[in-house]
C-alpha atoms as a PDB file:
ATOM      1  CA  MET A   1       0.099  -0.101   0.094  1.00  0.00           C
ATOM      2  CA  THR A   2       2.820   2.498   0.782  1.00  0.00           C
ATOM      3  CA  GLY A   3       3.249   4.564  -2.227  1.00  0.00           C
ATOM      4  CA  TRP A   4       3.005   8.503  -3.495  1.00  0.00           C
ATOM      5  CA  SER A   5      -0.399   8.747  -2.397  1.00  0.00           C
ATOM      6  CA  THR A   6      -0.428   6.834   1.047  1.00  0.00           C
ATOM      7  CA  LYS A   7      -2.278   9.054   3.790  1.00  0.00           C
ATOM      8  CA  ILE A   8      -1.295   9.213   7.255  1.00  0.00           C
ATOM      9  CA  ILE A   9      -4.509   9.687   9.466  1.00  0.00           C
ATOM     10  CA  ALA A  10      -3.261  10.744  12.914  1.00  0.00           C
ATOM     11  CA  MET A  11      -4.149  11.959  16.385  1.00  0.00           C
ATOM     12  CA  THR A  12      -2.288  13.752  18.940  1.00  0.00           C
ATOM     13  CA  ASP A  13      -2.443  15.046  22.218  1.00  0.00           C
ATOM     14  CA  ALA A  14      -3.179  18.642  23.414  1.00  0.00           C
ATOM     15  CA  LEU A  15       0.423  19.489  23.149  1.00  0.00           C
ATOM     16  CA  GLY A  16       0.514  18.396  19.265  1.00  0.00           C
ATOM     17  CA  ASN A  17       2.289  15.135  20.503  1.00  0.00           C
ATOM     18  CA  LEU A  18       1.529  11.725  18.106  1.00  0.00           C
ATOM     19  CA  VAL A  19      -0.603   9.474  20.243  1.00  0.00           C
ATOM     20  CA  ARG A  20      -1.284   7.095  17.323  1.00  0.00           C
ATOM     21  CA  PHE A  21      -2.017   6.771  13.450  1.00  0.00           C
ATOM     22  CA  THR A  22      -2.871   4.643  10.697  1.00  0.00           C
ATOM     23  CA  LEU A  23      -1.976   4.542   7.262  1.00  0.00           C
ATOM     24  CA  ILE A  24      -4.772   4.151   4.447  1.00  0.00           C
ATOM     25  CA  PRO A  25      -4.639   4.128   0.493  1.00  0.00           C
ATOM     26  CA  GLY A  26      -4.720   7.649  -0.792  1.00  0.00           C
ATOM     27  CA  GLN A  27      -7.808   6.560  -3.022  1.00  0.00           C
ATOM     28  CA  HIS A  28      -9.960   6.160  -0.069  1.00  0.00           C
ATOM     29  CA  TYR A  29     -11.903   8.547   2.264  1.00  0.00           C
ATOM     30  CA  ASP A  30      -9.862  10.008   5.408  1.00  0.00           C
ATOM     31  CA  THR A  31     -12.985   8.521   7.693  1.00  0.00           C
ATOM     32  CA  VAL A  32     -11.950   4.944   6.527  1.00  0.00           C
ATOM     33  CA  GLY A  33      -8.837   4.950   8.932  1.00  0.00           C
ATOM     34  CA  VAL A  34     -10.544   6.771  12.068  1.00  0.00           C
ATOM     35  CA  ALA A  35     -12.116   3.842  13.734  1.00  0.00           C
ATOM     36  CA  PRO A  36      -8.896   2.038  14.704  1.00  0.00           C
ATOM     37  CA  LEU A  37      -7.782   5.605  16.330  1.00  0.00           C
ATOM     38  CA  LEU A  38     -11.360   6.100  18.302  1.00  0.00           C
ATOM     39  CA  LYS A  39     -11.245   2.573  19.927  1.00  0.00           C
ATOM     40  CA  PRO A  40      -9.248   2.814  23.294  1.00  0.00           C
ATOM     41  CA  ALA A  41     -10.613   6.446  23.770  1.00  0.00           C
ATOM     42  CA  ASP A  42      -9.079   8.460  26.561  1.00  0.00           C
ATOM     43  CA  PHE A  43      -9.589  11.801  25.448  1.00  0.00           C
ATOM     44  CA  GLU A  44     -11.803  14.636  26.328  1.00  0.00           C
ATOM     45  CA  GLY A  45     -12.850  15.898  22.785  1.00  0.00           C
ATOM     46  CA  LEU A  46     -11.865  15.474  19.423  1.00  0.00           C
ATOM     47  CA  LEU A  47     -10.515  18.670  16.916  1.00  0.00           C
ATOM     48  CA  ALA A  48     -10.953  17.315  13.050  1.00  0.00           C
ATOM     49  CA  ASP A  49     -11.402  19.303   9.812  1.00  0.00           C
ATOM     50  CA  LYS A  50     -14.716  18.601   8.076  1.00  0.00           C
ATOM     51  CA  ALA A  51     -13.882  15.431   6.100  1.00  0.00           C
ATOM     52  CA  PHE A  52     -14.537  13.815   9.460  1.00  0.00           C
ATOM     53  CA  ASP A  53     -18.069  15.090  10.059  1.00  0.00           C
ATOM     54  CA  VAL A  54     -19.751  12.050   9.469  1.00  0.00           C
ATOM     55  CA  HIS A  55     -22.313  10.678  11.637  1.00  0.00           C
ATOM     56  CA  TRP A  56     -20.802   7.337  13.121  1.00  0.00           C
ATOM     57  CA  ILE A  57     -17.625   9.630  14.060  1.00  0.00           C
ATOM     58  CA  VAL A  58     -19.448  12.132  15.725  1.00  0.00           C
ATOM     59  CA  ASP A  59     -22.181   9.298  17.670  1.00  0.00           C
ATOM     60  CA  THR A  60     -18.626   7.722  18.809  1.00  0.00           C
ATOM     61  CA  ILE A  61     -17.292  10.459  20.277  1.00  0.00           C
ATOM     62  CA  ARG A  62     -20.245  11.662  21.904  1.00  0.00           C
ATOM     63  CA  ALA A  63     -21.035   8.127  23.058  1.00  0.00           C
ATOM     64  CA  GLN A  64     -17.561   8.094  24.972  1.00  0.00           C
ATOM     65  CA  GLY A  65     -18.340  10.952  26.655  1.00  0.00           C
ATOM     66  CA  ALA A  66     -15.997  13.263  24.664  1.00  0.00           C
ATOM     67  CA  ARG A  67     -16.699  16.579  23.018  1.00  0.00           C
ATOM     68  CA  VAL A  68     -17.052  17.001  19.297  1.00  0.00           C
ATOM     69  CA  VAL A  69     -15.307  20.185  17.883  1.00  0.00           C
ATOM     70  CA  ILE A  70     -15.637  19.674  13.937  1.00  0.00           C
ATOM     71  CA  PRO A  71     -17.121  22.145  11.565  1.00  0.00           C
ATOM     72  CA  GLN A  72     -20.153  20.849  10.033  1.00  0.00           C
ATOM     73  CA  ARG A  73     -20.849  20.745   6.436  1.00  0.00           C
ATOM     74  CA  ARG A  74     -23.299  22.731   4.616  1.00  0.00           C
ATOM     75  CA  ASN A  75     -25.430  19.631   3.800  1.00  0.00           C
ATOM     76  CA  ARG A  76     -26.252  18.463   7.407  1.00  0.00           C
ATOM     77  CA  LEU A  77     -29.655  18.578   8.358  1.00  0.00           C
ATOM     78  CA  ASP A  78     -29.042  18.068  12.313  1.00  0.00           C
ATOM     79  CA  ARG A  79     -26.916  21.054  13.290  1.00  0.00           C
ATOM     80  CA  ARG A  80     -24.980  20.993  16.440  1.00  0.00           C
ATOM     81  CA  PRO A  81     -23.231  23.787  18.859  1.00  0.00           C
ATOM     82  CA  PHE A  82     -19.594  24.270  17.511  1.00  0.00           C
ATOM     83  CA  ASP A  83     -16.668  26.079  19.382  1.00  0.00           C
ATOM     84  CA  GLY A  84     -14.887  28.378  17.164  1.00  0.00           C
ATOM     85  CA  ALA A  85     -12.349  29.328  19.876  1.00  0.00           C
ATOM     86  CA  LEU A  86     -11.398  25.724  20.914  1.00  0.00           C
ATOM     87  CA  PHE A  87     -11.077  24.742  17.036  1.00  0.00           C
ATOM     88  CA  LYS A  88      -8.093  27.139  16.377  1.00  0.00           C
ATOM     89  CA  ALA A  89      -5.959  24.532  18.728  1.00  0.00           C
ATOM     90  CA  ARG A  90      -6.258  22.371  15.497  1.00  0.00           C
ATOM     91  CA  HIS A  91      -3.444  23.899  14.352  1.00  0.00           C
ATOM     92  CA  LEU A  92      -1.123  21.806  16.687  1.00  0.00           C
ATOM     93  CA  ILE A  93      -2.034  18.680  14.546  1.00  0.00           C
ATOM     94  CA  GLU A  94      -1.034  20.619  11.299  1.00  0.00           C
ATOM     95  CA  ASN A  95       2.190  21.829  13.040  1.00  0.00           C
ATOM     96  CA  PHE A  96       2.968  17.900  14.100  1.00  0.00           C
ATOM     97  CA  PHE A  97       2.461  16.797   9.838  1.00  0.00           C
ATOM     98  CA  CYS A  98       4.946  19.815   9.073  1.00  0.00           C
ATOM     99  CA  LYS A  99       7.648  18.424  11.341  1.00  0.00           C
ATOM    100  CA  LEU A 100       6.746  15.276  10.234  1.00  0.00           C
ATOM    101  CA  LYS A 101       7.337  16.242   6.623  1.00  0.00           C
ATOM    102  CA  GLU A 102      10.739  18.079   7.096  1.00  0.00           C
ATOM    103  CA  PHE A 103      12.179  14.339   7.106  1.00  0.00           C
ATOM    104  CA  LYS A 104      12.615  13.569   3.496  1.00  0.00           C
ATOM    105  CA  ARG A 105      12.083  10.046   4.133  1.00  0.00           C
ATOM    106  CA  ILE A 106       8.388  10.574   5.423  1.00  0.00           C
ATOM    107  CA  ALA A 107       7.915  13.654   2.622  1.00  0.00           C
ATOM    108  CA  MET A 108       8.726  11.266  -0.235  1.00  0.00           C
ATOM    109  CA  ARG A 109       7.324   8.183   1.200  1.00  0.00           C
ATOM    110  CA  SER A 110      10.143   6.081   0.356  1.00  0.00           C
ATOM    111  CA  ASP A 111      10.089   3.057   2.406  1.00  0.00           C
ATOM    112  CA  LYS A 112       8.535   0.110   0.091  1.00  0.00           C
ATOM    113  CA  THR A 113       6.321  -1.497   2.718  1.00  0.00           C
ATOM    114  CA  ASP A 114       3.702  -0.351   5.183  1.00  0.00           C
ATOM    115  CA  ARG A 115       5.425  -1.427   8.166  1.00  0.00           C
ATOM    116  CA  SER A 116       8.655   0.239   7.439  1.00  0.00           C
ATOM    117  CA  PHE A 117       6.947   3.518   6.707  1.00  0.00           C
ATOM    118  CA  ALA A 118       4.980   3.189  10.034  1.00  0.00           C
ATOM    119  CA  ALA A 119       8.470   2.270  11.752  1.00  0.00           C
ATOM    120  CA  MET A 120       9.994   5.648  10.242  1.00  0.00           C
ATOM    121  CA  ILE A 121       6.929   7.700  11.616  1.00  0.00           C
ATOM    122  CA  TYR A 122       7.263   6.397  14.800  1.00  0.00           C
ATOM    123  CA  LEU A 123      10.879   6.992  14.805  1.00  0.00           C
ATOM    124  CA  THR A 124      10.470  10.530  13.367  1.00  0.00           C
ATOM    125  CA  ALA A 125       7.720  11.126  16.107  1.00  0.00           C
ATOM    126  CA  ALA A 126       9.832  10.477  18.570  1.00  0.00           C
ATOM    127  CA  ILE A 127      12.742  12.618  17.316  1.00  0.00           C
ATOM    128  CA  ILE A 128      10.134  15.360  17.239  1.00  0.00           C
ATOM    129  CA  ASN A 129       9.340  15.065  20.798  1.00  0.00           C
ATOM    130  CA  SER A 130      12.702  14.685  21.927  1.00  0.00           C
ATOM    131  CA  ARG A 131      13.189  18.420  20.479  1.00  0.00           C
END
């Protein structure tokens, strides 16, 4: 699966440190990789972009007692409150991806297998956290 279009779906903590991630093929929707990230949920809230405004994700997060901070798509019929001020903290995940892509091997997706690519992501995240 690893190739130029492989997507990394990641979850970070409130400080922008990697908690867990999953790899999905580039041609799949981003929501395909979310389920493994939500399984052992020990977070108080989830900040995500509009791509993750899907009923099953919102319902799963709410069922776990966590707060949902995802901007809603225009076509959503059941509107929910949205905390725009808290959503601004989502830049931490974007910052993490920018730091991750500073490493050429990650940015270019040079690894031939998912396992070696995932190992490089873990190693790179450890280096980023040690800075």
